[in-house]
Each structure stands twice: as C-alpha cells, then as structure tokens.
Protein backbone atom coordinates (compact mmCIF):
# COMPACT_ATOMS: atom_id res chain seq x y z
CA UNK A 1 -14.04 -35.95 42.67
CA UNK A 2 -16.84 -33.52 41.94
CA UNK A 3 -20.03 -34.04 43.91
CA UNK A 4 -22.85 -34.25 41.34
CA UNK A 5 -25.51 -33.12 43.81
CA UNK A 6 -23.72 -29.89 44.74
CA UNK A 7 -22.82 -29.25 41.09
CA UNK A 8 -26.48 -29.64 40.14
CA UNK A 9 -27.52 -27.31 42.98
CA UNK A 10 -25.04 -24.72 41.70
CA UNK A 11 -26.53 -25.07 38.21
CA UNK A 12 -30.04 -24.52 39.56
CA UNK A 13 -28.93 -21.44 41.49
CA UNK A 14 -27.18 -19.96 38.45
CA UNK A 15 -30.24 -20.71 36.32
CA UNK A 16 -32.64 -18.94 38.67
CA UNK A 17 -30.44 -15.83 38.85
CA UNK A 18 -29.97 -15.81 35.08
CA UNK A 19 -33.70 -16.16 34.43
CA UNK A 20 -34.49 -13.34 36.87
CA UNK A 21 -31.95 -11.04 35.26
CA UNK A 22 -33.13 -11.73 31.72
CA UNK A 23 -36.83 -11.33 32.56
CA UNK A 24 -36.05 -8.14 34.45
CA UNK A 25 -34.59 -6.71 31.25
CA UNK A 26 -30.99 -6.40 32.39
CA UNK A 27 -28.30 -5.72 29.83
CA UNK A 28 -26.43 -8.60 28.25
CA UNK A 29 -23.14 -7.79 29.97
CA UNK A 30 -24.92 -8.08 33.35
CA UNK A 31 -26.34 -11.47 32.43
CA UNK A 32 -23.30 -13.00 30.73
CA UNK A 33 -21.35 -13.69 33.93
CA UNK A 34 -24.31 -15.59 35.37
CA UNK A 35 -24.73 -17.55 32.16
CA UNK A 36 -21.05 -18.39 32.41
CA UNK A 37 -21.64 -19.68 35.93
CA UNK A 38 -24.57 -21.71 34.61
CA UNK A 39 -22.42 -23.35 31.94
CA UNK A 40 -19.60 -23.97 34.41
CA UNK A 41 -22.01 -25.72 36.75
CA UNK A 42 -23.41 -27.79 33.87
CA UNK A 43 -19.88 -28.73 32.91
CA UNK A 44 -19.20 -29.76 36.51
CA UNK A 45 -22.31 -31.97 36.49
CA UNK A 46 -21.16 -33.65 33.28
CA UNK A 47 -17.64 -34.10 34.62
CA UNK A 48 -19.01 -35.61 37.85
CA UNK A 49 -21.01 -38.10 35.81
CA UNK A 50 -17.95 -39.10 33.78
CA UNK A 51 -15.87 -39.45 36.96
CA UNK A 52 -18.59 -41.63 38.44
CA UNK A 53 -18.51 -43.88 35.36
CA UNK A 54 -14.69 -44.19 35.41
CA UNK A 55 -13.60 -44.25 39.06
CA UNK A 56 -9.98 -44.69 40.12
CA UNK A 57 -8.90 -47.67 42.22
CA UNK A 58 -9.23 -45.86 45.56
CA UNK A 59 -12.66 -44.52 44.60
CA UNK A 60 -13.82 -48.02 43.63
CA UNK A 61 -12.83 -49.31 47.05
CA UNK A 62 -14.55 -46.48 48.91
CA UNK A 63 -17.80 -46.41 46.93
CA UNK A 64 -20.84 -47.46 48.86
CA UNK A 65 -23.43 -49.90 47.69
CA UNK A 66 -25.82 -47.31 46.29
CA UNK A 67 -28.80 -48.57 44.39
CA UNK A 68 -27.96 -48.71 40.69
CA UNK A 69 -31.53 -47.87 39.76
CA UNK A 70 -31.54 -44.81 41.98
CA UNK A 71 -28.20 -43.62 40.63
CA UNK A 72 -29.36 -44.09 37.03
CA UNK A 73 -32.61 -42.25 37.73
CA UNK A 74 -30.73 -39.38 39.39
CA UNK A 75 -28.47 -39.04 36.35
CA UNK A 76 -31.41 -39.02 33.94
CA UNK A 77 -33.38 -36.51 36.02
CA UNK A 78 -30.38 -34.16 36.24
CA UNK A 79 -29.71 -34.40 32.50
CA UNK A 80 -33.34 -33.76 31.57
CA UNK A 81 -33.64 -30.85 34.00
CA UNK A 82 -30.49 -29.22 32.65
CA UNK A 83 -31.63 -29.63 29.05
CA UNK A 84 -35.02 -28.13 29.86
CA UNK A 85 -33.44 -25.16 31.60
CA UNK A 86 -30.99 -24.67 28.75
CA UNK A 87 -33.89 -24.52 26.26
CA UNK A 88 -35.58 -21.89 28.40
CA UNK A 89 -32.39 -19.84 28.63
CA UNK A 90 -32.03 -20.09 24.83
CA UNK A 91 -35.58 -18.85 24.33
CA UNK A 92 -35.19 -16.00 26.81
CA UNK A 93 -31.87 -14.85 25.36
CA UNK A 94 -33.07 -14.92 21.78
CA UNK A 95 -36.32 -13.18 22.72
CA UNK A 96 -34.70 -10.45 24.78
CA UNK A 97 -31.42 -9.77 22.94
CA UNK A 98 -32.01 -10.95 19.36
CA UNK A 99 -32.03 -14.20 17.38
CA UNK A 100 -28.26 -14.78 17.24
CA UNK A 101 -27.58 -14.21 20.90
CA UNK A 102 -27.75 -17.84 21.91
CA UNK A 103 -25.33 -18.80 19.12
CA UNK A 104 -22.88 -16.21 20.39
CA UNK A 105 -23.29 -17.54 23.91
CA UNK A 106 -22.66 -21.14 22.83
CA UNK A 107 -19.44 -19.97 21.18
CA UNK A 108 -18.50 -18.38 24.48
CA UNK A 109 -19.41 -21.62 26.23
CA UNK A 110 -17.02 -23.58 24.01
CA UNK A 111 -14.25 -21.15 24.82
CA UNK A 112 -14.89 -21.39 28.57
CA UNK A 113 -15.02 -25.19 28.37
CA UNK A 114 -11.67 -25.33 26.59
CA UNK A 115 -10.10 -23.03 29.16
CA UNK A 116 -11.46 -25.12 32.03
CA UNK A 117 -10.22 -28.33 30.45
CA UNK A 118 -6.77 -26.85 30.21
CA UNK A 119 -6.56 -25.68 33.80
CA UNK A 120 -9.13 -26.79 36.34
CA UNK A 121 -9.84 -30.33 35.24
CA UNK A 122 -6.20 -31.16 34.65
CA UNK A 123 -5.45 -30.09 38.20
CA UNK A 124 -8.31 -32.19 39.53
CA UNK A 125 -7.18 -35.23 37.53
CA UNK A 126 -3.61 -34.79 38.80
CA UNK A 127 -4.93 -34.67 42.36
CA UNK A 128 -6.98 -37.84 41.81
CA UNK A 129 -3.95 -39.59 40.31
CA UNK A 130 -1.79 -38.56 43.26
CA UNK A 131 -4.37 -39.89 45.71
CA UNK A 132 -4.67 -43.14 43.77
CA UNK A 133 -0.89 -43.53 43.65
CA UNK A 134 -0.57 -42.78 47.37
CA UNK A 135 -3.09 -45.49 48.22
CA UNK A 136 -1.32 -48.00 45.98
CA UNK A 137 2.06 -47.07 47.50
CA UNK A 138 0.66 -47.37 51.03
CA UNK A 139 -0.82 -50.77 50.33
CA UNK A 140 2.39 -51.94 48.65
CA UNK A 141 4.50 -50.79 51.59
CA UNK A 142 2.12 -52.56 53.96
CA UNK A 143 2.38 -55.81 52.01
CA UNK A 144 6.17 -55.59 51.81
CA UNK A 145 6.30 -54.80 55.52
CA UNK A 146 4.24 -57.85 56.41
CA UNK A 147 6.31 -60.06 54.10
CA UNK A 148 9.57 -58.63 55.40
CA UNK A 149 8.44 -59.05 59.00
CA UNK A 150 7.47 -62.65 58.29
CA UNK A 151 10.84 -63.38 56.72
CA UNK A 152 12.59 -61.70 59.64
CA UNK A 153 10.64 -63.80 62.17
CA UNK A 154 11.41 -66.96 60.21
CA UNK A 155 15.11 -66.10 60.25
CA UNK A 156 14.98 -65.61 64.02
CA UNK A 157 13.23 -68.93 64.49
CA UNK A 158 15.95 -70.79 62.58
C-alpha cells in the first residue's frame, strides 16, 4: 500500500524543483523529467487515496483507529494543495514555453499514467492480493488445526 504522506512529500519536492527550473529559464527537455516526477507523485497520492477507501481484508484488520475527521481533512488539504500547484505549473509552462505547452504536457501525463497502470500498479495490486490470500490461508489453516486437534483429543478421550 502506498503511503499517502510520503507520496505527497515526493510531489512537493518534485514541484519545488520544477518551479525552480522553469523560473530559472531552463530548456523544456531539462524540465520535462521533473514534471514527469511531479505527475508520478500526484498519481501515487491519488492511488493511495483509492487504496485507503478500498482496503483489503488484512489491511482492514491492521488499520488503526485514526480520527475520521483528521483523515478527511488530510485528504482535502492534499487534493487542494496539488491542484493549486498544478495551476501554477500550468501558468509557468505556458508563460515560459508557449500557450500549448501545458496541453502537450497533459498528453504526456496521460501516456505516463497508462504505462504506470499497465506495469507498476498491477504489480502492487498482485502483491496486495498475495498478502491478503496468505493471511486468509494462514487463518484458515489455524482454524482447521484447532478443529482437527479438538477432534483428535475427543477421539483419544473416547
């Protein structure tokens, strides 16, 4: 499961580097890799939020009793901060490199998102499923062991 706090911190770091590069007048090819990191971090934040909304069985059992209000406020603050920073990146890109630059970058963002969905997130989901299945198998074996041991002890007593 992706940690939303570290994903948000990565987004902030990528944003600050991107903003510095754009305001310093760097070329677009120098800035594009950092913008890609920014979008990847934003995607990780969004994925962490969706994982938090739809936890697996093992994750439900291990979740603490966090304050719902605090969690909701954290999600809203992260979303608003990312939207604000994205608007600023849009303005800076269009100002520095021309009016269609942001559109080109959003097309690139869609392509990166599709590639990540195909590879990274599928691997993460497979890992979560394996962990969930291992916990269910362990609990099932434990229950069958207790039941089998009880039946065995009953047979010895008779």
